[in-house]
Protein backbone atom coordinates (compact mmCIF):
# COMPACT_ATOMS: atom_id res chain seq x y z
CA UNK A 1 -23.59 -122.37 -3.28
CA UNK A 2 -26.65 -121.56 -5.37
CA UNK A 3 -27.51 -117.89 -5.63
CA UNK A 4 -30.82 -116.98 -7.22
CA UNK A 5 -31.57 -113.53 -8.54
CA UNK A 6 -34.57 -111.76 -7.03
CA UNK A 7 -37.77 -112.09 -9.00
CA UNK A 8 -38.22 -109.29 -11.52
CA UNK A 9 -41.22 -107.00 -10.99
CA UNK A 10 -44.35 -108.12 -12.79
CA UNK A 11 -44.60 -104.85 -14.70
CA UNK A 12 -41.60 -103.89 -16.83
CA UNK A 13 -41.92 -100.68 -18.83
CA UNK A 14 -39.48 -99.58 -21.56
CA UNK A 15 -36.72 -97.41 -20.16
CA UNK A 16 -34.94 -94.53 -21.85
CA UNK A 17 -32.10 -94.33 -19.40
CA UNK A 18 -29.04 -92.40 -20.54
CA UNK A 19 -25.46 -92.44 -19.30
CA UNK A 20 -25.83 -89.43 -17.00
CA UNK A 21 -23.02 -88.10 -14.81
CA UNK A 22 -21.03 -89.55 -11.89
CA UNK A 23 -21.58 -86.45 -9.76
CA UNK A 24 -23.32 -85.26 -7.70
CA UNK A 25 -23.91 -88.49 -5.80
CA UNK A 26 -27.51 -89.40 -5.10
CA UNK A 27 -30.66 -88.67 -7.08
CA UNK A 28 -30.58 -85.16 -8.54
CA UNK A 29 -33.54 -83.63 -10.37
CA UNK A 30 -32.64 -80.98 -12.95
CA UNK A 31 -36.17 -79.98 -13.95
CA UNK A 32 -36.35 -82.43 -16.85
CA UNK A 33 -35.25 -85.73 -15.34
CA UNK A 34 -33.17 -87.30 -12.59
CA UNK A 35 -29.50 -88.22 -12.51
CA UNK A 36 -28.73 -91.24 -10.33
CA UNK A 37 -25.19 -91.82 -9.04
CA UNK A 38 -23.98 -94.26 -6.39
CA UNK A 39 -20.53 -95.39 -5.30
CA UNK A 40 -19.40 -99.03 -5.29
CA UNK A 41 -15.84 -100.12 -5.94
CA UNK A 42 -16.57 -103.86 -6.18
CA UNK A 43 -20.08 -104.15 -7.62
CA UNK A 44 -20.50 -105.83 -10.99
CA UNK A 45 -23.95 -104.38 -11.70
CA UNK A 46 -26.36 -101.92 -10.08
CA UNK A 47 -30.10 -101.91 -10.68
CA UNK A 48 -32.31 -98.90 -9.99
CA UNK A 49 -35.67 -100.14 -8.68
CA UNK A 50 -38.70 -97.88 -9.07
CA UNK A 51 -41.78 -98.25 -6.88
CA UNK A 52 -45.38 -97.08 -7.08
CA UNK A 53 -46.56 -93.99 -5.19
CA UNK A 54 -47.21 -96.00 -2.05
CA UNK A 55 -43.79 -97.61 -2.09
CA UNK A 56 -45.38 -101.05 -1.94
CA UNK A 57 -44.94 -102.47 -5.42
CA UNK A 58 -41.79 -102.52 -7.52
CA UNK A 59 -42.86 -101.47 -11.01
CA UNK A 60 -39.59 -101.24 -12.89
CA UNK A 61 -35.99 -102.34 -12.60
CA UNK A 62 -33.35 -100.50 -14.62
CA UNK A 63 -29.65 -101.28 -14.89
CA UNK A 64 -27.43 -98.23 -14.43
CA UNK A 65 -25.52 -98.06 -17.72
CA UNK A 66 -22.26 -96.33 -16.80
CA UNK A 67 -19.36 -96.81 -14.39
CA UNK A 68 -16.91 -93.94 -13.90
CA UNK A 69 -14.22 -93.82 -11.20
CA UNK A 70 -16.10 -96.38 -9.08
CA UNK A 71 -19.39 -94.47 -9.47
CA UNK A 72 -22.38 -96.18 -11.12
CA UNK A 73 -24.65 -93.67 -12.82
CA UNK A 74 -27.50 -93.07 -15.23
CA UNK A 75 -29.99 -90.36 -16.20
CA UNK A 76 -33.73 -91.04 -16.40
CA UNK A 77 -35.46 -88.31 -18.44
CA UNK A 78 -38.99 -89.12 -17.31
CA UNK A 79 -38.28 -89.37 -13.57
CA UNK A 80 -39.48 -86.58 -11.29
CA UNK A 81 -39.73 -85.53 -7.62
CA UNK A 82 -41.90 -87.87 -5.62
CA UNK A 83 -40.58 -90.99 -7.31
CA UNK A 84 -39.78 -93.74 -4.79
CA UNK A 85 -36.77 -95.93 -5.49
CA UNK A 86 -34.06 -98.20 -4.15
CA UNK A 87 -31.10 -100.21 -5.44
CA UNK A 88 -30.17 -103.84 -5.93
CA UNK A 89 -26.42 -104.31 -6.16
CA UNK A 90 -24.69 -107.34 -7.69
CA UNK A 91 -21.19 -108.50 -6.94
CA UNK A 92 -19.17 -111.18 -5.15
CA UNK A 93 -20.62 -112.94 -2.13
CA UNK A 94 -17.41 -113.76 -0.29
CA UNK A 95 -17.92 -113.07 3.43
CA UNK A 96 -14.37 -114.10 4.30
CA UNK A 97 -13.11 -111.37 1.98
CA UNK A 98 -15.59 -108.80 3.28
CA UNK A 99 -17.94 -108.96 0.27
CA UNK A 100 -21.63 -109.62 0.91
CA UNK A 101 -23.36 -108.47 -2.26
CA UNK A 102 -26.90 -109.81 -2.39
CA UNK A 103 -29.33 -108.33 -4.95
CA UNK A 104 -32.23 -109.96 -3.13
CA UNK A 105 -31.84 -107.18 -0.58
CA UNK A 106 -33.17 -103.76 -1.52
CA UNK A 107 -30.74 -101.02 -0.51
CA UNK A 108 -31.51 -97.47 0.53
CA UNK A 109 -29.67 -94.83 -1.45
CA UNK A 110 -26.95 -93.70 1.01
CA UNK A 111 -27.25 -90.19 -0.45
CA UNK A 112 -31.07 -90.03 -0.30
CA UNK A 113 -32.55 -86.75 0.93
CA UNK A 114 -35.82 -88.31 2.07
CA UNK A 115 -37.06 -91.76 3.08
CA UNK A 116 -40.58 -93.17 3.09
CA UNK A 117 -41.95 -96.16 4.95
CA UNK A 118 -40.69 -97.94 8.04
CA UNK A 119 -38.23 -100.67 8.84
CA UNK A 120 -40.22 -103.79 9.77
CA UNK A 121 -38.60 -106.76 11.44
CA UNK A 122 -38.11 -109.79 9.23
CA UNK A 123 -35.43 -112.42 8.84
CA UNK A 124 -35.44 -111.42 5.17
CA UNK A 125 -33.52 -108.30 6.16
CA UNK A 126 -30.37 -110.34 6.64
CA UNK A 127 -28.05 -111.25 3.78
CA UNK A 128 -27.55 -114.68 5.33
CA UNK A 129 -30.11 -117.24 6.50
CA UNK A 130 -30.67 -117.17 10.24
CA UNK A 131 -30.38 -120.64 11.71
CA UNK A 132 -28.51 -122.06 8.73
CA UNK A 133 -25.75 -124.56 9.44
CA UNK A 134 -23.25 -122.23 7.74
CA UNK A 135 -24.24 -119.33 9.95
CA UNK A 136 -23.48 -115.90 8.53
CA UNK A 137 -21.58 -117.49 5.66
CA UNK A 138 -24.87 -118.70 4.17
CA UNK A 139 -26.78 -116.80 1.48
CA UNK A 140 -30.39 -115.69 1.87
CA UNK A 141 -32.59 -115.50 -1.24
CA UNK A 142 -35.64 -113.75 0.21
CA UNK A 143 -36.60 -110.29 -1.02
CA UNK A 144 -36.23 -107.62 1.67
CA UNK A 145 -38.13 -104.89 -0.21
CA UNK A 146 -41.43 -105.26 1.69
CA UNK A 147 -39.67 -104.64 5.00
CA UNK A 148 -37.37 -101.67 4.37
CA UNK A 149 -37.86 -97.92 3.90
CA UNK A 150 -37.40 -96.59 0.37
CA UNK A 151 -35.67 -93.50 -0.94
CA UNK A 152 -37.68 -90.62 -2.38
CA UNK A 153 -36.65 -88.00 -4.92
CA UNK A 154 -37.20 -84.39 -3.88
CA UNK A 155 -36.81 -81.21 -5.89
CA UNK A 156 -34.61 -79.39 -3.36
CA UNK A 157 -32.57 -80.06 -0.21
CA UNK A 158 -34.43 -80.31 3.08
CA UNK A 159 -34.92 -76.93 4.90
CA UNK A 160 -32.50 -77.84 7.69
CA UNK A 161 -29.64 -78.76 5.36
CA UNK A 162 -28.62 -75.17 4.70
CA UNK A 163 -28.68 -74.11 8.36
CA UNK A 164 -26.28 -76.66 9.86
CA UNK A 165 -23.24 -75.01 11.43
CA UNK A 166 -20.05 -76.61 12.66
CA UNK A 167 -18.10 -75.75 15.78
CA UNK A 168 -14.35 -76.11 15.71
CA UNK A 169 -11.55 -75.08 18.06
CA UNK A 170 -9.42 -72.00 17.56
CA UNK A 171 -9.36 -68.37 18.58
CA UNK A 172 -8.42 -66.78 15.27
CA UNK A 173 -11.63 -67.46 13.40
CA UNK A 174 -10.77 -65.18 10.53
CA UNK A 175 -7.56 -67.10 9.81
CA UNK A 176 -9.17 -70.53 9.79
CA UNK A 177 -12.42 -69.81 7.98
CA UNK A 178 -11.01 -69.63 4.41
CA UNK A 179 -9.05 -72.88 4.84
CA UNK A 180 -11.91 -74.99 6.16
CA UNK A 181 -15.05 -73.37 4.79
CA UNK A 182 -15.51 -76.16 2.25
CA UNK A 183 -14.40 -78.99 4.53
CA UNK A 184 -17.13 -81.44 5.73
CA UNK A 185 -18.09 -81.00 9.37
CA UNK A 186 -16.98 -84.48 10.33
CA UNK A 187 -13.40 -83.86 9.24
CA UNK A 188 -12.85 -80.41 10.70
CA UNK A 189 -12.27 -81.84 14.16
CA UNK A 190 -9.24 -83.70 12.81
CA UNK A 191 -8.07 -81.07 10.38
CA UNK A 192 -4.47 -81.10 11.67
CA UNK A 193 -4.02 -84.76 10.77
CA UNK A 194 -6.18 -85.27 7.73
CA UNK A 195 -7.05 -82.02 5.99
CA UNK A 196 -4.32 -79.41 6.04
CA UNK A 197 -1.58 -77.99 8.27
CA UNK A 198 -3.08 -76.01 11.13
CA UNK A 199 -2.61 -72.20 11.24
CA UNK A 200 -0.46 -72.70 14.35
CA UNK A 201 1.96 -74.96 12.52
CA UNK A 202 2.17 -72.45 9.68
CA UNK A 203 3.05 -69.65 12.10
CA UNK A 204 5.86 -71.74 13.64
CA UNK A 205 7.69 -72.01 10.31
């Protein structure tokens, strides 16, 4: 099956990308530049795609230079808050094995703190070609960038991020707070099974 790479942007400017750090995940501005880090265990290459201020035109495509513990990362010294970006990820296209890498499809940063633009319906959004004889095992070569929202770099977390509180069961709040204070909200509900022994089980010993 023929797989064409997406067309490169018409404007390619020299990049001074450095190796950066694998953490924190996402796009992190440190006052001088931006560290980009994204997880993928099976990708063979990840390209950072930069867009103009309107998010309409892709102006540069930069390969993330480093891969550490399944994290692709790089540091762009001249990037700053307000920059709009996305990713194109290369890897195996083997639907039967659960792999559907398709760099023709622009991906939103899963760790993005802000998105711009809207999702617009198009068959180009799909990794396979609708109506093809091979169904969802086919490979679509159309660029999805014009139809998807893009990620945007900000200089600080959104105002609501620091005010989110989690509710969890238990009557002895003082005994559970130290154990689970740093545990993500989504996992606290299953703390007995996945995080740590519950206070009740500790008291029974």
